[in-house]
Amino acid sequence: MMKKNKKKPEAAPEQKLQKKKKLRRVSVSAASIAVVLVAVVLINLIATSLTDRYDLTLDLTANQLYEITDDTKEMLQGMTDTVDITILSSEDDFEKDTYYSKVHTLLQKYKNLAGDKLDISYIDPYTNPNAVNRFSDLAASIQSGSVILSYNDNTRVLNTEDFYSVEESSYYSGYYDVTGFQGEQALTSAIMAVTNEETPGAYILQGHNESISTSLSSMFTNAGYTANTLNLTEEKEIPEDASVLVLSLPQADYTEDEINLIDAFIKAGGDLMVFDGTACPTELPVLYAYLQEWGVDIQADMVLDADYNIDEAPDLLAKLTDSDSNADIADSGLTLVTPNAKSITMNLGNDVSDRTIEALMESRDSSYAKVLTDETEYDNYTKEDGDTDGPFTLATLSEYTGNDNGGQVFVCSAGIMMSDDLMSASSLMNSSFLSNVLSQMQPEIEMVSIPSKSLSSEPLVMSTTAEFIVFAILALIPVGMFLAGILVFFRRRKL
C-alpha cells in the first residue's frame, strides 16, 4: 500500500510578513554598517588631508616639542624669498630615523606656514650620488641626513648635533646624554641667516695660540654671522664685513700694532669679546694694559667657591648682576657654571669721559680668591688665611661714548664657560648668557633665541577642556554606543 506524500501547510501570511521584516532589518543593518565604515574611511582621509595642508595636528608631548613660537610663525609667514632645503636622505629613512624623525615633523610645520617659500627636497646619497656633487664644496660639513638650506650664494648645513642639546652624564666623565630638542632654534636661525642681505662677520683672532669652542663658533653662525679666523700679525687690517672680533684664551701677548688695529675697530663701531681665565698666562702686559683703558683690571688669582660649585671649588656657580643688559634672561631659572675664573676689578678713572662700564656676572658671597702665578700648583682648594673674600666681578661690558658709533668691549674672566659641554647643556645658562651679550652688543642684527625643549620623561599635564575631550573619546562615546545598542536590541525583540 503506497503512502501518500503529505503537503506541507503553507506559512500563514503573518509569518511571511515577519520573515520579510526580519530580512529587511538585516539588510538595513548591513547597509548601515557599510555606510558607517565608508564614512569612517572618508572622515579619516579628509582629516589626514586637512592635517597635512593646514597643520591641524595636536601636540600632546610633555614639553610641546613641535609647537612653534610666534617669532618663527611671523618670520615664516612673512617670507618673500624661496629658501631651498635639501635633505641628504630618502624621506622614508629621514622620517623613521631616531633623531631626524622629530626634524621631519617640525619641517612639515614650517612648510605648512611658509607654503611655496620653502622648497623641501630629499636626495638619497647612496642611490643618487651624482645629485650630491653640487654640494662638493660643503664636503667637510655634510653627512648622511644633513639638512642643507640655501638661498642665492648663502648656505647653511645642519646636522644631528645642531638639532639637539646634550649634557655630560657626570661631570668630566666623557659620556653624554641627549637632553633637549633645539630644532626650532636651528631651523629658524638658519633660514634668517641665508636670507639676510648682508651677512655680518665674526672674526676669531689667531696667532697667539688662542682656542675657541665649537659651540661658541656655532653661536655666531646660528645668529646669522659668518665665523672666520683672522691673524692680525699677517693681515695687518680688519676686513670691512667684520662686526665682532673674538679674543679667546690667548697663550701669548699681543703686539702694540695689533692692539692699535683693534682699538680703531672698536671706536669705529665694532665690538670685541675677550675670554680670559686661569687657562691663560698671568703675564700678558700689552693686552691687560689695553683692557685697563676700558676699566677692566684682570687679577692674577683663581676664584673658588666651596659652597656653590658643580664638582669642586674651581667649578663655581656664578650669578647675573641686576644690569638692564641681563633683563631678558634674568628669570630663566637656569644656572651659570664658570670654571677656572679670575676676578675682575672695575676701575674706570674719574677723568675718563668717553666710555662706560658695567658688571654682567659675578661670584657669590661665599666665594674667595687665591693668588695665582704661572707656576702655581694647588694641593687643595680649601680657604686659607690670606685668601681674598668675594664676591667678585667675572664679566663686564664697556661701551665707547666718544662718538655715535658706540663700539663695545665684553670681557669674561671665566673663559672655560664657553666650552662645548657647558654651552650645550640645556639646564645651564651659559649659552643663553653669551647669546644675550651678543644681542646687546649688536642690536641691529636680528637674532632669535629659542630655548631647547627638554626630552626628559615628564607627566602629561592637560587642561580641563583637553581632559574632557579625551574622556569623551575614551569613555562617553563608547558607553553611549553600547547603551544605544542595548536599546535597539530590546526594541527589535518586540517587533
Protein backbone atom coordinates (compact mmCIF):
# COMPACT_ATOMS: atom_id res chain seq x y z
CA MET A 1 0.00 0.00 0.00
CA MET A 2 1.58 3.24 -1.13
CA LYS A 3 1.99 6.18 1.25
CA LYS A 4 0.76 9.48 0.05
CA ASN A 5 3.08 12.48 0.38
CA LYS A 6 1.67 14.96 2.77
CA LYS A 7 1.66 18.52 1.62
CA LYS A 8 3.37 20.99 3.96
CA PRO A 9 0.98 23.56 5.15
CA GLU A 10 1.64 26.96 3.69
CA ALA A 11 3.01 29.56 6.08
CA ALA A 12 0.46 31.91 7.38
CA PRO A 13 0.51 35.40 5.84
CA GLU A 14 1.58 36.85 9.20
CA GLN A 15 4.62 34.58 9.35
CA LYS A 16 5.63 35.59 5.82
CA LEU A 17 5.34 39.22 6.82
CA GLN A 18 7.56 38.65 9.89
CA LYS A 19 10.22 36.96 7.75
CA LYS A 20 10.18 39.82 5.28
CA LYS A 21 10.56 42.35 8.10
CA LYS A 22 13.44 40.37 9.63
CA LEU A 23 15.20 40.17 6.25
CA ARG A 24 14.64 43.89 5.74
CA ARG A 25 16.14 44.63 9.19
CA VAL A 26 19.21 42.51 8.43
CA SER A 27 19.62 44.27 5.09
CA VAL A 28 19.25 47.68 6.72
CA SER A 29 21.76 46.72 9.43
CA ALA A 30 24.29 45.51 6.87
CA ALA A 31 23.79 48.63 4.80
CA SER A 32 24.16 50.81 7.91
CA ILE A 33 27.41 49.12 8.84
CA ALA A 34 28.70 49.58 5.29
CA VAL A 35 27.72 53.26 5.34
CA VAL A 36 29.44 53.78 8.72
CA LEU A 37 32.63 52.09 7.51
CA VAL A 38 32.67 54.20 4.35
CA ALA A 39 32.04 57.33 6.43
CA VAL A 40 34.89 56.48 8.81
CA VAL A 41 37.26 55.96 5.89
CA LEU A 42 36.18 59.23 4.24
CA ILE A 43 36.47 61.18 7.51
CA ASN A 44 39.94 59.75 8.07
CA LEU A 45 41.03 60.71 4.54
CA ILE A 46 39.60 64.21 4.90
CA ALA A 47 41.17 64.68 8.34
CA THR A 48 44.56 63.49 7.05
CA SER A 49 44.35 65.86 4.09
CA LEU A 50 43.39 68.82 6.28
CA THR A 51 46.10 67.97 8.81
CA ASP A 52 48.78 67.85 6.14
CA ARG A 53 47.57 71.03 4.49
CA TYR A 54 46.62 73.24 7.42
CA ASP A 55 48.74 71.85 10.29
CA LEU A 56 45.83 70.70 12.44
CA THR A 57 47.92 68.29 14.50
CA LEU A 58 47.60 68.34 18.29
CA ASP A 59 50.95 68.32 20.09
CA LEU A 60 50.48 66.29 23.28
CA THR A 61 54.20 65.92 24.03
CA ALA A 62 55.05 66.94 27.59
CA ASN A 63 57.25 69.85 26.50
CA GLN A 64 55.44 70.81 23.29
CA LEU A 65 58.36 69.68 21.12
CA TYR A 66 56.64 70.63 17.89
CA GLU A 67 55.00 73.88 18.95
CA ILE A 68 56.42 76.89 17.12
CA THR A 69 56.95 80.29 18.73
CA ASP A 70 55.19 83.39 17.46
CA ASP A 71 58.50 84.85 16.26
CA THR A 72 59.09 81.87 13.98
CA LYS A 73 55.50 81.91 12.70
CA GLU A 74 55.80 85.61 11.88
CA MET A 75 59.10 85.02 10.11
CA LEU A 76 57.78 82.09 8.04
CA GLN A 77 54.52 83.78 7.06
CA GLY A 78 56.38 86.95 6.08
CA MET A 79 58.93 85.27 3.81
CA THR A 80 59.23 86.86 0.37
CA ASP A 81 62.06 84.72 -0.99
CA THR A 82 62.10 80.97 -1.54
CA VAL A 83 64.63 79.02 0.53
CA ASP A 84 65.69 75.62 -0.77
CA ILE A 85 66.03 72.88 1.84
CA THR A 86 67.84 69.79 0.60
CA ILE A 87 67.99 66.73 2.85
CA LEU A 88 70.64 64.12 2.13
CA SER A 89 68.45 61.10 2.80
CA SER A 90 65.39 59.40 1.42
CA GLU A 91 62.28 60.81 3.03
CA ASP A 92 61.30 57.40 4.38
CA ASP A 93 64.66 56.92 6.13
CA PHE A 94 64.66 60.50 7.39
CA GLU A 95 61.17 60.17 8.85
CA LYS A 96 61.98 56.87 10.58
CA ASP A 97 65.38 57.90 11.97
CA THR A 98 65.55 58.07 15.77
CA TYR A 99 66.70 61.68 15.81
CA TYR A 100 65.74 63.10 12.42
CA SER A 101 62.11 61.99 12.79
CA LYS A 102 61.48 65.00 15.05
CA VAL A 103 63.12 67.26 12.49
CA HIS A 104 60.88 65.79 9.78
CA THR A 105 57.75 66.61 11.80
CA LEU A 106 58.99 70.13 12.50
CA LEU A 107 59.84 70.72 8.84
CA GLN A 108 56.27 69.82 7.87
CA LYS A 109 55.01 72.50 10.23
CA TYR A 110 57.43 75.02 8.73
CA LYS A 111 56.26 74.07 5.23
CA ASN A 112 52.61 74.49 6.20
CA LEU A 113 53.31 78.02 7.44
CA ALA A 114 55.68 79.17 4.68
CA GLY A 115 53.94 77.47 1.75
CA ASP A 116 55.91 77.64 -1.50
CA LYS A 117 58.57 79.84 0.15
CA LEU A 118 60.16 76.64 1.45
CA ASP A 119 61.13 74.12 -1.21
CA ILE A 120 61.97 70.84 0.57
CA SER A 121 63.59 68.02 -1.40
CA TYR A 122 65.16 64.69 -0.44
CA ILE A 123 68.23 63.16 -2.09
CA ASP A 124 69.43 59.70 -1.13
CA PRO A 125 73.23 59.99 -1.46
CA TYR A 126 73.59 56.20 -1.76
CA THR A 127 71.20 55.69 -4.67
CA ASN A 128 71.78 59.06 -6.35
CA PRO A 129 75.39 60.08 -5.65
CA ASN A 130 75.66 62.32 -8.72
CA ALA A 131 72.95 64.61 -7.35
CA VAL A 132 75.13 65.32 -4.32
CA ASN A 133 78.05 66.55 -6.41
CA ARG A 134 76.71 70.10 -6.41
CA PHE A 135 77.45 70.19 -2.67
CA SER A 136 81.11 69.20 -3.12
CA ASP A 137 82.31 72.49 -1.62
CA LEU A 138 80.48 71.51 1.60
CA ALA A 139 82.11 68.08 1.79
CA ALA A 140 83.77 68.84 5.12
CA SER A 141 80.47 69.56 6.88
CA ILE A 142 77.84 67.36 5.21
CA GLN A 143 76.94 63.79 6.09
CA SER A 144 74.07 61.39 5.57
CA GLY A 145 70.95 63.14 6.85
CA SER A 146 72.37 66.67 6.59
CA VAL A 147 69.80 69.44 6.17
CA ILE A 148 71.19 72.00 3.70
CA LEU A 149 69.49 75.41 3.48
CA SER A 150 70.41 77.67 0.59
CA TYR A 151 69.34 80.98 -0.93
CA ASN A 152 71.37 82.56 -3.71
CA ASP A 153 75.00 82.10 -2.65
CA ASN A 154 74.26 81.71 1.07
CA THR A 155 74.27 78.20 2.53
CA ARG A 156 73.87 76.66 5.97
CA VAL A 157 74.36 72.99 6.85
CA LEU A 158 72.60 71.47 9.85
CA ASN A 159 73.46 68.04 11.25
CA THR A 160 72.21 65.99 14.18
CA GLU A 161 74.28 67.88 16.75
CA ASP A 162 72.68 71.16 15.64
CA PHE A 163 69.18 69.91 16.49
CA TYR A 164 69.88 68.51 19.94
CA SER A 165 71.44 69.65 23.20
CA VAL A 166 73.43 67.22 25.32
CA GLU A 167 74.70 67.00 28.86
CA GLU A 168 77.61 65.07 30.28
CA SER A 169 76.34 62.06 32.23
CA SER A 170 78.58 63.00 35.12
CA TYR A 171 80.97 65.91 35.14
CA TYR A 172 84.20 65.09 33.24
CA SER A 173 83.00 61.52 32.57
CA GLY A 174 83.25 61.86 28.80
CA TYR A 175 79.78 60.34 28.26
CA TYR A 176 76.86 62.45 27.11
CA ASP A 177 73.07 62.21 27.23
CA VAL A 178 70.78 63.83 24.69
CA THR A 179 68.60 66.07 26.85
CA GLY A 180 66.90 68.63 24.64
CA PHE A 181 65.48 69.28 21.18
CA GLN A 182 66.50 72.64 19.70
CA GLY A 183 65.16 72.11 16.22
CA GLU A 184 63.28 75.40 16.04
CA GLN A 185 66.36 77.43 17.04
CA ALA A 186 68.46 75.65 14.41
CA LEU A 187 65.98 75.93 11.53
CA THR A 188 64.77 79.47 12.22
CA SER A 189 68.24 80.94 12.67
CA ALA A 190 69.50 79.14 9.55
CA ILE A 191 66.63 80.50 7.42
CA MET A 192 67.25 84.02 8.73
CA ALA A 193 70.98 83.66 8.09
CA VAL A 194 70.72 82.62 4.43
CA THR A 195 68.10 85.28 3.61
CA ASN A 196 69.97 88.22 5.20
CA GLU A 197 71.00 90.71 2.52
CA GLU A 198 74.28 91.39 4.31
CA THR A 199 75.92 88.77 6.48
CA PRO A 200 77.96 90.27 9.34
CA GLY A 201 81.32 88.71 10.09
CA ALA A 202 82.55 87.37 13.40
CA TYR A 203 86.34 87.05 13.35
CA ILE A 204 88.21 84.85 15.83
CA LEU A 205 91.68 86.25 16.33
CA GLN A 206 94.59 83.86 15.75
CA GLY A 207 98.37 83.93 16.06
CA HIS A 208 98.71 83.65 19.84
CA ASN A 209 97.66 80.03 20.39
CA GLU A 210 94.08 81.09 21.03
CA SER A 211 91.39 78.43 21.45
CA ILE A 212 87.65 78.62 20.97
CA SER A 213 84.92 76.05 21.39
CA THR A 214 82.82 74.71 18.54
CA SER A 215 79.72 75.78 20.47
CA LEU A 216 80.81 79.41 20.57
CA SER A 217 81.51 79.39 16.84
CA SER A 218 78.07 77.84 16.31
CA MET A 219 76.52 80.59 18.39
CA PHE A 220 77.70 83.11 15.80
CA THR A 221 76.61 81.09 12.78
CA ASN A 222 73.22 80.37 14.38
CA ALA A 223 72.81 84.10 14.92
CA GLY A 224 73.42 84.78 11.23
CA TYR A 225 77.12 85.66 11.27
CA THR A 226 79.92 84.10 9.29
CA ALA A 227 82.56 82.68 11.64
CA ASN A 228 86.04 83.39 10.32
CA THR A 229 89.60 83.43 11.64
CA LEU A 230 91.93 86.43 11.45
CA ASN A 231 95.64 86.75 12.18
CA LEU A 232 96.43 90.44 12.58
CA THR A 233 100.18 89.81 12.53
CA GLU A 234 99.78 88.69 8.91
CA GLU A 235 96.74 90.56 7.58
CA LYS A 236 97.56 93.98 9.06
CA GLU A 237 93.94 95.10 8.67
CA ILE A 238 90.44 94.13 9.76
CA PRO A 239 88.00 93.11 6.98
CA GLU A 240 85.17 95.51 6.14
CA ASP A 241 82.46 92.95 6.90
CA ALA A 242 83.72 92.43 10.46
CA SER A 243 81.17 93.25 13.16
CA VAL A 244 82.68 91.33 16.07
CA LEU A 245 86.22 90.32 16.99
CA VAL A 246 86.73 87.44 19.41
CA LEU A 247 89.89 87.14 21.51
CA SER A 248 89.77 83.76 23.20
CA LEU A 249 92.20 82.33 25.77
CA PRO A 250 95.48 83.59 24.22
CA GLN A 251 98.73 81.97 25.35
CA ALA A 252 100.98 84.81 24.14
CA ASP A 253 100.69 88.56 24.33
CA TYR A 254 99.51 90.85 21.53
CA THR A 255 101.67 93.48 19.88
CA GLU A 256 101.08 97.21 20.08
CA ASP A 257 100.25 97.23 16.35
CA GLU A 258 97.55 94.60 16.82
CA ILE A 259 96.08 96.47 19.76
CA ASN A 260 96.00 99.69 17.73
CA LEU A 261 94.06 97.94 14.95
CA ILE A 262 91.59 96.55 17.49
CA ASP A 263 91.18 99.94 19.18
CA ALA A 264 90.45 101.70 15.90
CA PHE A 265 87.94 98.97 15.03
CA ILE A 266 86.04 99.47 18.31
CA LYS A 267 85.97 103.26 18.05
CA ALA A 268 84.58 102.90 14.53
CA GLY A 269 81.63 100.92 15.89
CA GLY A 270 82.95 97.36 16.04
CA ASP A 271 82.66 95.10 19.08
CA LEU A 272 85.24 92.99 20.90
CA MET A 273 84.64 89.86 23.01
CA VAL A 274 87.53 88.78 25.27
CA PHE A 275 87.68 85.43 27.06
CA ASP A 276 90.32 85.05 29.76
CA GLY A 277 90.75 82.74 32.74
CA THR A 278 93.24 80.62 34.62
CA ALA A 279 93.95 78.74 31.37
CA CYS A 280 95.71 81.92 30.20
CA PRO A 281 99.10 83.14 31.40
CA THR A 282 99.02 85.74 34.16
CA GLU A 283 101.53 87.92 32.29
CA LEU A 284 100.03 89.50 29.16
CA PRO A 285 101.13 93.10 29.77
CA VAL A 286 100.13 94.68 26.46
CA LEU A 287 96.68 93.12 26.39
CA TYR A 288 95.96 93.73 30.08
CA ALA A 289 97.11 97.35 29.85
CA TYR A 290 94.71 97.89 26.96
CA LEU A 291 91.79 96.32 28.82
CA GLN A 292 92.52 98.64 31.75
CA GLU A 293 91.73 101.52 29.39
CA TRP A 294 88.20 100.07 29.30
CA GLY A 295 88.02 99.87 33.10
CA VAL A 296 88.84 96.15 33.25
CA ASP A 297 91.68 95.08 35.54
CA ILE A 298 92.06 91.27 35.44
CA GLN A 299 93.66 89.99 38.63
CA ALA A 300 96.28 87.24 38.89
CA ASP A 301 94.16 84.95 41.05
CA MET A 302 91.78 81.99 40.96
CA VAL A 303 88.20 82.42 42.14
CA LEU A 304 86.86 79.46 44.16
CA ASP A 305 83.63 78.61 45.93
CA ALA A 306 83.34 75.65 48.30
CA ASP A 307 79.57 76.08 48.70
CA TYR A 308 78.36 76.85 45.18
CA ASN A 309 80.06 74.61 42.62
CA ILE A 310 79.38 71.67 40.32
CA ASP A 311 82.06 69.20 41.33
CA GLU A 312 84.80 71.06 43.15
CA ALA A 313 85.68 74.58 44.21
CA PRO A 314 87.09 75.86 40.85
CA ASP A 315 83.84 74.91 39.04
CA LEU A 316 81.91 77.66 40.75
CA LEU A 317 78.32 78.68 40.11
CA ALA A 318 78.07 82.37 39.24
CA LYS A 319 75.06 84.66 39.09
CA LEU A 320 73.82 87.54 36.96
CA THR A 321 74.00 91.13 38.16
CA ASP A 322 70.98 93.44 38.17
CA SER A 323 72.14 95.10 34.95
CA ASP A 324 69.46 96.03 32.42
CA SER A 325 71.53 94.09 29.88
CA ASN A 326 70.54 90.88 31.72
CA ALA A 327 66.82 91.66 31.85
CA ASP A 328 65.84 89.25 29.06
CA ILE A 329 67.38 86.20 30.78
CA ALA A 330 67.14 87.16 34.45
CA ASP A 331 64.09 84.96 35.08
CA SER A 332 65.22 81.89 33.16
CA GLY A 333 65.81 79.85 36.32
CA LEU A 334 68.94 78.31 34.78
CA THR A 335 72.41 78.02 36.31
CA LEU A 336 75.68 79.69 35.26
CA VAL A 337 78.74 77.46 35.54
CA THR A 338 82.01 79.43 35.37
CA PRO A 339 85.06 77.19 35.88
CA ASN A 340 88.61 78.44 36.39
CA ALA A 341 87.76 82.10 36.73
CA LYS A 342 89.89 85.08 37.63
CA SER A 343 88.49 88.12 39.40
CA ILE A 344 87.99 91.48 37.70
CA THR A 345 88.40 94.85 39.36
CA MET A 346 86.38 97.56 37.60
CA ASN A 347 88.33 100.78 37.63
CA LEU A 348 87.41 103.48 35.15
CA GLY A 349 89.16 106.67 36.20
CA ASN A 350 87.20 109.80 37.06
CA ASP A 351 88.97 111.63 34.24
CA VAL A 352 87.64 109.16 31.63
CA SER A 353 84.52 110.57 29.98
CA ASP A 354 84.34 108.74 26.67
CA ARG A 355 83.39 105.24 27.89
CA THR A 356 81.28 103.43 30.48
CA ILE A 357 81.47 100.04 32.17
CA GLU A 358 79.03 97.72 33.95
CA ALA A 359 79.26 94.29 35.55
CA LEU A 360 77.21 91.47 33.98
CA MET A 361 78.23 88.42 36.02
CA GLU A 362 79.67 87.85 39.48
CA SER A 363 80.54 85.15 42.00
CA ARG A 364 78.57 84.64 45.22
CA ASP A 365 79.27 85.93 48.72
CA SER A 366 80.75 82.54 49.70
CA SER A 367 83.49 82.77 47.05
CA TYR A 368 87.12 83.51 47.73
CA ALA A 369 90.27 84.01 45.62
CA LYS A 370 93.78 82.57 45.84
CA VAL A 371 96.84 84.29 44.41
CA LEU A 372 97.85 82.78 41.08
CA THR A 373 101.16 82.79 39.22
CA ASP A 374 102.25 80.96 36.10
CA GLU A 375 103.96 78.35 38.32
CA THR A 376 101.24 77.97 40.95
CA GLU A 377 100.01 74.46 41.75
CA TYR A 378 97.42 73.81 44.46
CA ASP A 379 97.28 70.69 46.60
CA ASN A 380 93.71 71.62 47.62
CA TYR A 381 91.29 74.47 47.26
CA THR A 382 90.39 74.95 50.91
CA LYS A 383 90.05 78.55 52.02
CA GLU A 384 93.13 79.71 53.93
CA ASP A 385 94.41 82.82 55.66
CA GLY A 386 95.39 85.44 53.12
CA ASP A 387 92.71 84.45 50.58
CA THR A 388 90.53 87.33 49.42
CA ASP A 389 86.81 87.23 50.23
CA GLY A 390 84.21 87.55 47.47
CA PRO A 391 82.01 88.33 45.70
CA PHE A 392 84.00 89.12 42.56
CA THR A 393 83.10 90.51 39.16
CA LEU A 394 83.55 87.85 36.45
CA ALA A 395 82.23 89.57 33.31
CA THR A 396 81.92 93.21 32.22
CA LEU A 397 80.60 95.24 29.30
CA SER A 398 82.23 98.55 28.39
CA GLU A 399 80.91 101.00 25.78
CA TYR A 400 82.67 103.74 23.85
CA THR A 401 80.71 107.01 24.03
CA GLY A 402 83.25 109.29 22.31
CA ASN A 403 81.17 109.23 19.08
CA ASP A 404 77.85 107.96 17.78
CA ASN A 405 79.22 104.58 16.67
CA GLY A 406 79.20 103.09 20.16
CA GLY A 407 81.64 100.18 19.93
CA GLN A 408 81.68 97.84 22.94
CA VAL A 409 84.09 95.56 24.77
CA PHE A 410 82.90 92.44 26.61
CA VAL A 411 85.37 90.73 28.95
CA CYS A 412 84.76 87.35 30.61
CA SER A 413 87.36 86.10 33.09
CA ALA A 414 85.87 82.58 33.11
CA GLY A 415 86.58 81.66 29.50
CA ILE A 416 86.04 77.94 30.06
CA MET A 417 82.33 78.71 30.47
CA MET A 418 82.07 78.63 26.66
CA SER A 419 83.29 75.02 26.43
CA ASP A 420 81.17 72.62 24.38
CA ASP A 421 79.82 70.58 27.28
CA LEU A 422 78.70 73.66 29.22
CA MET A 423 77.31 75.56 26.23
CA SER A 424 75.27 72.58 25.02
CA ALA A 425 73.70 71.72 28.39
CA SER A 426 70.02 72.72 28.29
CA SER A 427 69.90 73.06 32.09
CA LEU A 428 72.64 75.70 32.12
CA MET A 429 72.51 79.40 31.27
CA ASN A 430 75.97 79.58 29.66
CA SER A 431 74.73 79.58 26.08
CA SER A 432 71.82 81.98 26.62
CA PHE A 433 74.04 84.35 28.62
CA LEU A 434 76.61 84.69 25.84
CA SER A 435 73.88 84.90 23.18
CA ASN A 436 72.25 87.68 25.16
CA VAL A 437 75.57 89.53 25.42
CA LEU A 438 75.98 89.32 21.65
CA SER A 439 72.45 90.65 21.08
CA GLN A 440 73.13 93.56 23.45
CA MET A 441 76.31 94.43 21.61
CA GLN A 442 74.77 94.02 18.15
CA PRO A 443 71.13 95.14 18.48
CA GLU A 444 70.86 95.88 14.75
CA ILE A 445 71.38 92.18 13.95
CA GLU A 446 68.08 90.34 14.16
CA MET A 447 68.58 87.29 16.34
CA VAL A 448 66.37 84.57 17.72
CA SER A 449 66.93 82.78 20.98
CA ILE A 450 64.60 79.81 21.42
CA PRO A 451 65.19 77.60 24.47
CA SER A 452 65.92 73.92 23.95
CA LYS A 453 62.92 71.73 24.79
CA SER A 454 63.60 69.00 27.32
CA LEU A 455 63.39 65.37 26.23
CA SER A 456 63.16 64.03 29.77
CA SER A 457 60.11 61.94 30.64
CA GLU A 458 57.54 64.07 32.39
CA PRO A 459 53.86 63.51 33.21
CA LEU A 460 51.44 64.80 30.60
CA VAL A 461 49.53 67.74 32.02
CA MET A 462 46.29 68.59 30.20
CA SER A 463 43.82 71.40 30.56
CA THR A 464 40.27 70.75 31.76
CA THR A 465 38.98 71.02 28.19
CA ALA A 466 41.55 68.56 26.89
CA GLU A 467 40.77 66.16 29.74
CA PHE A 468 37.05 66.26 28.86
CA ILE A 469 37.76 65.60 25.16
CA VAL A 470 39.96 62.61 25.97
CA PHE A 471 37.37 61.33 28.49
CA ALA A 472 34.62 61.68 25.90
CA ILE A 473 36.61 59.79 23.29
CA LEU A 474 37.71 57.01 25.61
CA ALA A 475 34.63 56.63 27.81
CA LEU A 476 31.46 58.60 27.00
CA ILE A 477 31.23 57.79 23.31
CA PRO A 478 31.88 54.00 23.69
CA VAL A 479 29.44 53.80 26.63
CA GLY A 480 26.83 55.76 24.68
CA MET A 481 27.18 53.45 21.69
CA PHE A 482 26.90 50.40 23.97
CA LEU A 483 23.69 51.67 25.60
CA ALA A 484 22.27 52.60 22.22
CA GLY A 485 22.97 49.06 21.01
CA ILE A 486 21.13 47.53 24.00
CA LEU A 487 18.15 49.83 23.43
CA VAL A 488 17.96 48.86 19.75
CA PHE A 489 18.23 45.16 20.67
CA PHE A 490 15.26 45.23 23.05
CA ARG A 491 13.17 47.35 20.70
CA ARG A 492 13.73 44.86 17.89
CA ARG A 493 12.75 41.93 20.10
CA LYS A 494 9.33 43.47 20.49
CA LEU A 495 8.84 43.72 16.73
